[in-house]
């Protein structure tokens, strides 16, 4: 498990799960096993110290904190992507530092 440093993939996974309302559909879109997406979201939730999604048999929906997190994650992902593109051929790895 990463030590407070989470790369942008974790944010992307949370965004896609929220958009799709399902870990399985998100995994299909991300071309990953569902268990990988689920584990990464659990790591994210443990790191943040709060649940981001309400899980049920019919899917997953963001909690109030999850909705806010996804909004912020989408903004951060967009900003990091634009900075990387503006940097030219040198694309740096983007890391998000989250408070414990």
PDB file of N, CA and C in Angstrom:
ATOM      1  N   UNK A   1       0.848  -1.182   0.000  1.00  0.00           N
ATOM      2  CA  UNK A   1       0.000   0.000   0.000  1.00  0.00           C
ATOM      3  C   UNK A   1       0.889   1.240   0.000  1.00  0.00           C
ATOM      4  N   UNK A   2       0.581   2.213  -0.854  1.00  0.00           N
ATOM      5  CA  UNK A   2       1.372   3.437  -0.891  1.00  0.00           C
ATOM      6  C   UNK A   2       1.287   4.187   0.428  1.00  0.00           C
ATOM      7  N   UNK A   3       2.337   4.897   0.756  1.00  0.00           N
ATOM      8  CA  UNK A   3       2.404   5.648   1.991  1.00  0.00           C
ATOM      9  C   UNK A   3       1.978   7.095   1.756  1.00  0.00           C
ATOM     10  N   UNK A   4       0.685   7.359   1.680  1.00  0.00           N
ATOM     11  CA  UNK A   4       0.092   8.676   1.475  1.00  0.00           C
ATOM     12  C   UNK A   4       0.248   9.226   0.062  1.00  0.00           C
ATOM     13  N   UNK A   5       1.051   8.622  -0.764  1.00  0.00           N
ATOM     14  CA  UNK A   5       1.208   9.106  -2.138  1.00  0.00           C
ATOM     15  C   UNK A   5       0.395   8.197  -3.056  1.00  0.00           C
ATOM     16  N   UNK A   6      -0.589   8.760  -3.685  1.00  0.00           N
ATOM     17  CA  UNK A   6      -1.435   7.984  -4.587  1.00  0.00           C
ATOM     18  C   UNK A   6      -1.325   8.588  -5.972  1.00  0.00           C
ATOM     19  N   UNK A   7      -1.089   7.739  -6.947  1.00  0.00           N
ATOM     20  CA  UNK A   7      -0.995   8.320  -8.285  1.00  0.00           C
ATOM     21  C   UNK A   7      -2.388   8.600  -8.839  1.00  0.00           C
ATOM     22  N   UNK A   8      -2.433   9.266  -9.940  1.00  0.00           N
ATOM     23  CA  UNK A   8      -3.706   9.720 -10.500  1.00  0.00           C
ATOM     24  C   UNK A   8      -4.622   8.588 -10.947  1.00  0.00           C
ATOM     25  N   UNK A   9      -4.076   7.379 -11.084  1.00  0.00           N
ATOM     26  CA  UNK A   9      -4.956   6.257 -11.451  1.00  0.00           C
ATOM     27  C   UNK A   9      -6.040   6.050 -10.402  1.00  0.00           C
ATOM     28  N   UNK A  10      -5.716   6.211  -9.128  1.00  0.00           N
ATOM     29  CA  UNK A  10      -6.703   6.034  -8.070  1.00  0.00           C
ATOM     30  C   UNK A  10      -7.843   7.032  -8.236  1.00  0.00           C
ATOM     31  N   UNK A  11      -7.493   8.248  -8.604  1.00  0.00           N
ATOM     32  CA  UNK A  11      -8.514   9.264  -8.837  1.00  0.00           C
ATOM     33  C   UNK A  11      -9.374   8.881 -10.028  1.00  0.00           C
ATOM     34  N   UNK A  12      -8.712   8.429 -11.091  1.00  0.00           N
ATOM     35  CA  UNK A  12      -9.430   8.018 -12.296  1.00  0.00           C
ATOM     36  C   UNK A  12     -10.408   6.894 -11.979  1.00  0.00           C
ATOM     37  N   UNK A  13      -9.975   5.913 -11.202  1.00  0.00           N
ATOM     38  CA  UNK A  13     -10.857   4.799 -10.852  1.00  0.00           C
ATOM     39  C   UNK A  13     -12.090   5.306 -10.113  1.00  0.00           C
ATOM     40  N   UNK A  14     -11.902   6.203  -9.157  1.00  0.00           N
ATOM     41  CA  UNK A  14     -13.036   6.745  -8.395  1.00  0.00           C
ATOM     42  C   UNK A  14     -13.983   7.514  -9.306  1.00  0.00           C
ATOM     43  N   UNK A  15     -13.431   8.285 -10.225  1.00  0.00           N
ATOM     44  CA  UNK A  15     -14.259   9.053 -11.155  1.00  0.00           C
ATOM     45  C   UNK A  15     -15.099   8.119 -12.028  1.00  0.00           C
ATOM     46  N   UNK A  16     -14.474   7.078 -12.566  1.00  0.00           N
ATOM     47  CA  UNK A  16     -15.191   6.160 -13.461  1.00  0.00           C
ATOM     48  C   UNK A  16     -16.240   5.362 -12.702  1.00  0.00           C
ATOM     49  N   UNK A  17     -15.928   4.924 -11.473  1.00  0.00           N
ATOM     50  CA  UNK A  17     -16.929   4.205 -10.674  1.00  0.00           C
ATOM     51  C   UNK A  17     -18.136   5.116 -10.430  1.00  0.00           C
ATOM     52  N   UNK A  18     -17.889   6.360 -10.083  1.00  0.00           N
ATOM     53  CA  UNK A  18     -18.991   7.302  -9.832  1.00  0.00           C
ATOM     54  C   UNK A  18     -19.815   7.523 -11.100  1.00  0.00           C
ATOM     55  N   UNK A  19     -19.148   7.670 -12.234  1.00  0.00           N
ATOM     56  CA  UNK A  19     -19.859   7.890 -13.503  1.00  0.00           C
ATOM     57  C   UNK A  19     -20.698   6.682 -13.898  1.00  0.00           C
ATOM     58  N   UNK A  20     -20.156   5.496 -13.677  1.00  0.00           N
ATOM     59  CA  UNK A  20     -20.829   4.269 -14.118  1.00  0.00           C
ATOM     60  C   UNK A  20     -21.798   3.698 -13.087  1.00  0.00           C
ATOM     61  N   UNK A  21     -21.613   4.067 -11.824  1.00  0.00           N
ATOM     62  CA  UNK A  21     -22.483   3.541 -10.781  1.00  0.00           C
ATOM     63  C   UNK A  21     -22.256   2.070 -10.496  1.00  0.00           C
ATOM     64  N   UNK A  22     -21.082   1.574 -10.884  1.00  0.00           N
ATOM     65  CA  UNK A  22     -20.801   0.147 -10.737  1.00  0.00           C
ATOM     66  C   UNK A  22     -19.301  -0.100 -10.831  1.00  0.00           C
ATOM     67  N   UNK A  23     -18.795  -0.925  -9.907  1.00  0.00           N
ATOM     68  CA  UNK A  23     -17.392  -1.312  -9.973  1.00  0.00           C
ATOM     69  C   UNK A  23     -17.133  -2.195 -11.191  1.00  0.00           C
ATOM     70  N   UNK A  24     -18.076  -3.075 -11.510  1.00  0.00           N
ATOM     71  CA  UNK A  24     -17.903  -3.970 -12.649  1.00  0.00           C
ATOM     72  C   UNK A  24     -17.851  -3.197 -13.960  1.00  0.00           C
ATOM     73  N   UNK A  25     -18.798  -2.278 -14.163  1.00  0.00           N
ATOM     74  CA  UNK A  25     -18.795  -1.492 -15.406  1.00  0.00           C
ATOM     75  C   UNK A  25     -17.557  -0.601 -15.490  1.00  0.00           C
ATOM     76  N   UNK A  26     -17.146  -0.046 -14.356  1.00  0.00           N
ATOM     77  CA  UNK A  26     -15.923   0.769 -14.337  1.00  0.00           C
ATOM     78  C   UNK A  26     -14.723  -0.089 -14.725  1.00  0.00           C
ATOM     79  N   UNK A  27     -14.648  -1.280 -14.175  1.00  0.00           N
ATOM     80  CA  UNK A  27     -13.536  -2.182 -14.497  1.00  0.00           C
ATOM     81  C   UNK A  27     -13.523  -2.527 -15.983  1.00  0.00           C
ATOM     82  N   UNK A  28     -14.688  -2.757 -16.560  1.00  0.00           N
ATOM     83  CA  UNK A  28     -14.775  -3.043 -17.998  1.00  0.00           C
ATOM     84  C   UNK A  28     -14.239  -1.867 -18.808  1.00  0.00           C
ATOM     85  N   UNK A  29     -14.622  -0.669 -18.456  1.00  0.00           N
ATOM     86  CA  UNK A  29     -14.174   0.528 -19.171  1.00  0.00           C
ATOM     87  C   UNK A  29     -12.671   0.727 -19.006  1.00  0.00           C
ATOM     88  N   UNK A  30     -12.172   0.475 -17.796  1.00  0.00           N
ATOM     89  CA  UNK A  30     -10.753   0.665 -17.507  1.00  0.00           C
ATOM     90  C   UNK A  30      -9.895  -0.505 -17.985  1.00  0.00           C
ATOM     91  N   UNK A  31     -10.566  -1.565 -18.446  1.00  0.00           N
ATOM     92  CA  UNK A  31      -9.881  -2.770 -18.909  1.00  0.00           C
ATOM     93  C   UNK A  31      -9.026  -3.375 -17.789  1.00  0.00           C
ATOM     94  N   UNK A  32      -9.632  -3.456 -16.613  1.00  0.00           N
ATOM     95  CA  UNK A  32      -8.982  -4.014 -15.433  1.00  0.00           C
ATOM     96  C   UNK A  32      -9.914  -5.030 -14.782  1.00  0.00           C
ATOM     97  N   UNK A  33      -9.356  -5.937 -13.987  1.00  0.00           N
ATOM     98  CA  UNK A  33     -10.237  -6.816 -13.205  1.00  0.00           C
ATOM     99  C   UNK A  33     -11.032  -5.995 -12.192  1.00  0.00           C
ATOM    100  N   UNK A  34     -12.261  -6.399 -11.941  1.00  0.00           N
ATOM    101  CA  UNK A  34     -13.107  -5.694 -10.985  1.00  0.00           C
ATOM    102  C   UNK A  34     -12.450  -5.666  -9.610  1.00  0.00           C
ATOM    103  N   UNK A  35     -11.771  -6.739  -9.246  1.00  0.00           N
ATOM    104  CA  UNK A  35     -11.129  -6.795  -7.931  1.00  0.00           C
ATOM    105  C   UNK A  35     -10.040  -5.728  -7.788  1.00  0.00           C
ATOM    106  N   UNK A  36      -9.351  -5.407  -8.860  1.00  0.00           N
ATOM    107  CA  UNK A  36      -8.311  -4.375  -8.815  1.00  0.00           C
ATOM    108  C   UNK A  36      -8.928  -3.010  -8.552  1.00  0.00           C
ATOM    109  N   UNK A  37      -9.996  -2.701  -9.270  1.00  0.00           N
ATOM    110  CA  UNK A  37     -10.672  -1.409  -9.078  1.00  0.00           C
ATOM    111  C   UNK A  37     -11.211  -1.319  -7.652  1.00  0.00           C
ATOM    112  N   UNK A  38     -11.837  -2.375  -7.189  1.00  0.00           N
ATOM    113  CA  UNK A  38     -12.399  -2.390  -5.845  1.00  0.00           C
ATOM    114  C   UNK A  38     -11.316  -2.214  -4.782  1.00  0.00           C
ATOM    115  N   UNK A  39     -10.202  -2.928  -4.929  1.00  0.00           N
ATOM    116  CA  UNK A  39      -9.106  -2.804  -3.960  1.00  0.00           C
ATOM    117  C   UNK A  39      -8.523  -1.404  -3.938  1.00  0.00           C
ATOM    118  N   UNK A  40      -8.348  -0.801  -5.110  1.00  0.00           N
ATOM    119  CA  UNK A  40      -7.775   0.548  -5.169  1.00  0.00           C
ATOM    120  C   UNK A  40      -8.698   1.576  -4.509  1.00  0.00           C
ATOM    121  N   UNK A  41     -10.003   1.406  -4.708  1.00  0.00           N
ATOM    122  CA  UNK A  41     -10.956   2.318  -4.061  1.00  0.00           C
ATOM    123  C   UNK A  41     -10.920   2.103  -2.546  1.00  0.00           C
ATOM    124  N   UNK A  42     -10.803   0.864  -2.103  1.00  0.00           N
ATOM    125  CA  UNK A  42     -10.705   0.602  -0.666  1.00  0.00           C
ATOM    126  C   UNK A  42      -9.450   1.234  -0.070  1.00  0.00           C
ATOM    127  N   UNK A  43      -8.324   1.159  -0.785  1.00  0.00           N
ATOM    128  CA  UNK A  43      -7.088   1.800  -0.324  1.00  0.00           C
ATOM    129  C   UNK A  43      -7.296   3.308  -0.221  1.00  0.00           C
ATOM    130  N   UNK A  44      -7.927   3.859  -1.225  1.00  0.00           N
ATOM    131  CA  UNK A  44      -8.213   5.293  -1.240  1.00  0.00           C
ATOM    132  C   UNK A  44      -9.086   5.672  -0.043  1.00  0.00           C
ATOM    133  N   UNK A  45     -10.135   4.891   0.199  1.00  0.00           N
ATOM    134  CA  UNK A  45     -11.032   5.161   1.326  1.00  0.00           C
ATOM    135  C   UNK A  45     -10.299   5.042   2.665  1.00  0.00           C
ATOM    136  N   UNK A  46      -9.457   4.023   2.805  1.00  0.00           N
ATOM    137  CA  UNK A  46      -8.688   3.876   4.049  1.00  0.00           C
ATOM    138  C   UNK A  46      -7.728   5.041   4.238  1.00  0.00           C
ATOM    139  N   UNK A  47      -7.084   5.474   3.166  1.00  0.00           N
ATOM    140  CA  UNK A  47      -6.141   6.591   3.251  1.00  0.00           C
ATOM    141  C   UNK A  47      -6.850   7.876   3.649  1.00  0.00           C
ATOM    142  N   UNK A  48      -8.023   8.098   3.071  1.00  0.00           N
ATOM    143  CA  UNK A  48      -8.789   9.309   3.377  1.00  0.00           C
ATOM    144  C   UNK A  48      -9.513   9.217   4.717  1.00  0.00           C
ATOM    145  N   UNK A  49      -9.772   7.984   5.159  1.00  0.00           N
ATOM    146  CA  UNK A  49     -10.462   7.792   6.425  1.00  0.00           C
ATOM    147  C   UNK A  49     -11.965   7.953   6.355  1.00  0.00           C
ATOM    148  N   UNK A  50     -12.535   7.796   5.149  1.00  0.00           N
ATOM    149  CA  UNK A  50     -13.986   7.896   5.002  1.00  0.00           C
ATOM    150  C   UNK A  50     -14.440   7.143   3.760  1.00  0.00           C
ATOM    151  N   UNK A  51     -15.684   6.655   3.800  1.00  0.00           N
ATOM    152  CA  UNK A  51     -16.201   5.934   2.632  1.00  0.00           C
ATOM    153  C   UNK A  51     -16.539   6.899   1.500  1.00  0.00           C
ATOM    154  N   UNK A  52     -16.167   6.513   0.300  1.00  0.00           N
ATOM    155  CA  UNK A  52     -16.481   7.322  -0.876  1.00  0.00           C
ATOM    156  C   UNK A  52     -17.721   6.804  -1.603  1.00  0.00           C
ATOM    157  N   UNK A  53     -18.029   5.517  -1.405  1.00  0.00           N
ATOM    158  CA  UNK A  53     -19.151   4.903  -2.113  1.00  0.00           C
ATOM    159  C   UNK A  53     -20.016   4.087  -1.180  1.00  0.00           C
ATOM    160  N   UNK A  54     -21.314   4.114  -1.453  1.00  0.00           N
ATOM    161  CA  UNK A  54     -22.268   3.205  -0.815  1.00  0.00           C
ATOM    162  C   UNK A  54     -22.415   2.038  -1.779  1.00  0.00           C
ATOM    163  N   UNK A  55     -22.116   0.845  -1.299  1.00  0.00           N
ATOM    164  CA  UNK A  55     -22.164  -0.338  -2.153  1.00  0.00           C
ATOM    165  C   UNK A  55     -23.443  -1.117  -1.897  1.00  0.00           C
ATOM    166  N   UNK A  56     -24.012  -1.645  -2.966  1.00  0.00           N
ATOM    167  CA  UNK A  56     -25.189  -2.494  -2.838  1.00  0.00           C
ATOM    168  C   UNK A  56     -25.137  -3.565  -3.928  1.00  0.00           C
ATOM    169  N   UNK A  57     -26.097  -4.461  -3.908  1.00  0.00           N
ATOM    170  CA  UNK A  57     -26.130  -5.514  -4.937  1.00  0.00           C
ATOM    171  C   UNK A  57     -26.341  -4.942  -6.331  1.00  0.00           C
ATOM    172  N   UNK A  58     -26.957  -3.788  -6.415  1.00  0.00           N
ATOM    173  CA  UNK A  58     -27.250  -3.232  -7.746  1.00  0.00           C
ATOM    174  C   UNK A  58     -26.219  -2.216  -8.226  1.00  0.00           C
ATOM    175  N   UNK A  59     -25.199  -1.932  -7.401  1.00  0.00           N
ATOM    176  CA  UNK A  59     -24.168  -1.012  -7.853  1.00  0.00           C
ATOM    177  C   UNK A  59     -23.528  -0.234  -6.732  1.00  0.00           C
ATOM    178  N   UNK A  60     -22.952   0.894  -7.089  1.00  0.00           N
ATOM    179  CA  UNK A  60     -22.270   1.760  -6.123  1.00  0.00           C
ATOM    180  C   UNK A  60     -22.621   3.203  -6.452  1.00  0.00           C
ATOM    181  N   UNK A  61     -22.866   3.963  -5.416  1.00  0.00           N
ATOM    182  CA  UNK A  61     -23.106   5.388  -5.644  1.00  0.00           C
ATOM    183  C   UNK A  61     -22.290   6.171  -4.637  1.00  0.00           C
ATOM    184  N   UNK A  62     -21.817   7.343  -5.040  1.00  0.00           N
ATOM    185  CA  UNK A  62     -20.967   8.133  -4.143  1.00  0.00           C
ATOM    186  C   UNK A  62     -21.726   8.601  -2.902  1.00  0.00           C
ATOM    187  N   UNK A  63     -21.030   8.606  -1.778  1.00  0.00           N
ATOM    188  CA  UNK A  63     -21.548   9.239  -0.567  1.00  0.00           C
ATOM    189  C   UNK A  63     -21.440  10.748  -0.795  1.00  0.00           C
ATOM    190  N   UNK A  64     -21.908  11.535   0.140  1.00  0.00           N
ATOM    191  CA  UNK A  64     -21.754  12.990   0.004  1.00  0.00           C
ATOM    192  C   UNK A  64     -20.274  13.361  -0.089  1.00  0.00           C
ATOM    193  N   UNK A  65     -19.459  12.747   0.766  1.00  0.00           N
ATOM    194  CA  UNK A  65     -18.012  12.995   0.710  1.00  0.00           C
ATOM    195  C   UNK A  65     -17.449  12.490  -0.614  1.00  0.00           C
ATOM    196  N   UNK A  66     -17.975  11.363  -1.098  1.00  0.00           N
ATOM    197  CA  UNK A  66     -17.517  10.808  -2.371  1.00  0.00           C
ATOM    198  C   UNK A  66     -17.832  11.727  -3.539  1.00  0.00           C
ATOM    199  N   UNK A  67     -19.003  12.340  -3.514  1.00  0.00           N
ATOM    200  CA  UNK A  67     -19.367  13.285  -4.580  1.00  0.00           C
ATOM    201  C   UNK A  67     -18.394  14.456  -4.623  1.00  0.00           C
ATOM    202  N   UNK A  68     -18.091  14.988  -3.450  1.00  0.00           N
ATOM    203  CA  UNK A  68     -17.152  16.113  -3.386  1.00  0.00           C
ATOM    204  C   UNK A  68     -15.757  15.675  -3.836  1.00  0.00           C
ATOM    205  N   UNK A  69     -15.328  14.503  -3.372  1.00  0.00           N
ATOM    206  CA  UNK A  69     -14.009  13.996  -3.745  1.00  0.00           C
ATOM    207  C   UNK A  69     -13.902  13.806  -5.257  1.00  0.00           C
ATOM    208  N   UNK A  70     -14.921  13.217  -5.869  1.00  0.00           N
ATOM    209  CA  UNK A  70     -14.905  12.974  -7.311  1.00  0.00           C
ATOM    210  C   UNK A  70     -14.852  14.295  -8.077  1.00  0.00           C
ATOM    211  N   UNK A  71     -15.604  15.283  -7.622  1.00  0.00           N
ATOM    212  CA  UNK A  71     -15.550  16.607  -8.256  1.00  0.00           C
ATOM    213  C   UNK A  71     -14.138  17.178  -8.208  1.00  0.00           C
ATOM    214  N   UNK A  72     -13.529  17.134  -7.027  1.00  0.00           N
ATOM    215  CA  UNK A  72     -12.172  17.653  -6.845  1.00  0.00           C
ATOM    216  C   UNK A  72     -11.162  16.822  -7.632  1.00  0.00           C
ATOM    217  N   UNK A  73     -11.331  15.513  -7.645  1.00  0.00           N
ATOM    218  CA  UNK A  73     -10.412  14.627  -8.373  1.00  0.00           C
ATOM    219  C   UNK A  73     -10.472  14.902  -9.867  1.00  0.00           C
ATOM    220  N   UNK A  74     -11.670  15.132 -10.385  1.00  0.00           N
ATOM    221  CA  UNK A  74     -11.813  15.421 -11.815  1.00  0.00           C
ATOM    222  C   UNK A  74     -11.105  16.726 -12.158  1.00  0.00           C
ATOM    223  N   UNK A  75     -11.230  17.721 -11.303  1.00  0.00           N
ATOM    224  CA  UNK A  75     -10.558  19.006 -11.529  1.00  0.00           C
ATOM    225  C   UNK A  75      -9.047  18.830 -11.468  1.00  0.00           C
ATOM    226  N   UNK A  76      -8.567  18.114 -10.461  1.00  0.00           N
ATOM    227  CA  UNK A  76      -7.134  17.898 -10.311  1.00  0.00           C
ATOM    228  C   UNK A  76      -6.576  17.105 -11.492  1.00  0.00           C
ATOM    229  N   UNK A  77      -7.266  16.061 -11.908  1.00  0.00           N
ATOM    230  CA  UNK A  77      -6.816  15.255 -13.045  1.00  0.00           C
ATOM    231  C   UNK A  77      -6.710  16.107 -14.300  1.00  0.00           C
ATOM    232  N   UNK A  78      -7.686  16.975 -14.517  1.00  0.00           N
ATOM    233  CA  UNK A  78      -7.686  17.845 -15.694  1.00  0.00           C
ATOM    234  C   UNK A  78      -6.501  18.800 -15.649  1.00  0.00           C
ATOM    235  N   UNK A  79      -6.255  19.401 -14.494  1.00  0.00           N
ATOM    236  CA  UNK A  79      -5.146  20.341 -14.349  1.00  0.00           C
ATOM    237  C   UNK A  79      -3.814  19.639 -14.566  1.00  0.00           C
ATOM    238  N   UNK A  80      -3.625  18.462 -13.965  1.00  0.00           N
ATOM    239  CA  UNK A  80      -2.368  17.716 -14.117  1.00  0.00           C
ATOM    240  C   UNK A  80      -2.163  17.307 -15.568  1.00  0.00           C
ATOM    241  N   UNK A  81      -3.227  16.869 -16.237  1.00  0.00           N
ATOM    242  CA  UNK A  81      -3.125  16.471 -17.641  1.00  0.00           C
ATOM    243  C   UNK A  81      -2.709  17.661 -18.494  1.00  0.00           C
ATOM    244  N   UNK A  82      -3.331  18.797 -18.294  1.00  0.00           N
ATOM    245  CA  UNK A  82      -2.977  19.989 -19.069  1.00  0.00           C
ATOM    246  C   UNK A  82      -1.533  20.403 -18.828  1.00  0.00           C
ATOM    247  N   UNK A  83      -1.076  20.343 -17.588  1.00  0.00           N
ATOM    248  CA  UNK A  83       0.312  20.689 -17.296  1.00  0.00           C
ATOM    249  C   UNK A  83       1.263  19.737 -18.007  1.00  0.00           C
ATOM    250  N   UNK A  84       0.939  18.450 -18.018  1.00  0.00           N
ATOM    251  CA  UNK A  84       1.787  17.464 -18.682  1.00  0.00           C
ATOM    252  C   UNK A  84       1.843  17.720 -20.179  1.00  0.00           C
ATOM    253  N   UNK A  85       0.697  18.040 -20.765  1.00  0.00           N
ATOM    254  CA  UNK A  85       0.659  18.292 -22.204  1.00  0.00           C
ATOM    255  C   UNK A  85       1.428  19.549 -22.559  1.00  0.00           C
ATOM    256  N   UNK A  86       1.341  20.568 -21.713  1.00  0.00           N
ATOM    257  CA  UNK A  86       2.058  21.811 -21.969  1.00  0.00           C
ATOM    258  C   UNK A  86       3.562  21.659 -21.789  1.00  0.00           C
ATOM    259  N   UNK A  87       3.982  20.629 -21.055  1.00  0.00           N
ATOM    260  CA  UNK A  87       5.406  20.409 -20.819  1.00  0.00           C
ATOM    261  C   UNK A  87       6.109  19.868 -22.063  1.00  0.00           C
ATOM    262  N   UNK A  88       5.352  19.520 -23.080  1.00  0.00           N
ATOM    263  CA  UNK A  88       5.953  19.015 -24.315  1.00  0.00           C
ATOM    264  C   UNK A  88       6.207  17.522 -24.236  1.00  0.00           C
ATOM    265  N   UNK A  89       7.277  17.072 -24.855  1.00  0.00           N
ATOM    266  CA  UNK A  89       7.526  15.636 -24.921  1.00  0.00           C
ATOM    267  C   UNK A  89       7.881  15.010 -23.568  1.00  0.00           C
ATOM    268  N   UNK A  90       8.251  15.825 -22.612  1.00  0.00           N
ATOM    269  CA  UNK A  90       8.604  15.309 -21.294  1.00  0.00           C
ATOM    270  C   UNK A  90       7.352  15.260 -20.429  1.00  0.00           C
ATOM    271  N   UNK A  91       6.784  14.094 -20.283  1.00  0.00           N
ATOM    272  CA  UNK A  91       5.585  13.949 -19.453  1.00  0.00           C
ATOM    273  C   UNK A  91       6.007  13.391 -18.104  1.00  0.00           C
ATOM    274  N   UNK A  92       5.745  14.165 -17.079  1.00  0.00           N
ATOM    275  CA  UNK A  92       6.130  13.764 -15.738  1.00  0.00           C
ATOM    276  C   UNK A  92       5.025  12.946 -15.093  1.00  0.00           C
ATOM    277  N   UNK A  93       5.424  12.055 -14.221  1.00  0.00           N
ATOM    278  CA  UNK A  93       4.467  11.269 -13.464  1.00  0.00           C
ATOM    279  C   UNK A  93       3.779  12.189 -12.465  1.00  0.00           C
ATOM    280  N   UNK A  94       2.466  12.125 -12.409  1.00  0.00           N
ATOM    281  CA  UNK A  94       1.705  13.003 -11.513  1.00  0.00           C
ATOM    282  C   UNK A  94       1.351  12.251 -10.248  1.00  0.00           C
ATOM    283  N   UNK A  95       1.684  12.822  -9.114  1.00  0.00           N
ATOM    284  CA  UNK A  95       1.417  12.205  -7.825  1.00  0.00           C
ATOM    285  C   UNK A  95       0.578  13.168  -6.992  1.00  0.00           C
ATOM    286  N   UNK A  96      -0.421  12.608  -6.342  1.00  0.00           N
ATOM    287  CA  UNK A  96      -1.270  13.398  -5.451  1.00  0.00           C
ATOM    288  C   UNK A  96      -0.894  13.060  -4.021  1.00  0.00           C
ATOM    289  N   UNK A  97      -0.579  14.056  -3.245  1.00  0.00           N
ATOM    290  CA  UNK A  97      -0.283  13.842  -1.837  1.00  0.00           C
ATOM    291  C   UNK A  97      -1.557  14.113  -1.049  1.00  0.00           C
ATOM    292  N   UNK A  98      -1.973  13.124  -0.308  1.00  0.00           N
ATOM    293  CA  UNK A  98      -3.191  13.267   0.489  1.00  0.00           C
ATOM    294  C   UNK A  98      -2.823  13.329   1.963  1.00  0.00           C
ATOM    295  N   UNK A  99      -3.497  14.169   2.726  1.00  0.00           N
ATOM    296  CA  UNK A  99      -3.210  14.233   4.159  1.00  0.00           C
ATOM    297  C   UNK A  99      -3.671  12.963   4.847  1.00  0.00           C
ATOM    298  N   UNK A 100      -3.011  12.583   5.907  1.00  0.00           N
ATOM    299  CA  UNK A 100      -3.415  11.378   6.635  1.00  0.00           C
ATOM    300  C   UNK A 100      -4.563  11.671   7.560  1.00  0.00           C
TER     301      UNK A 100
END
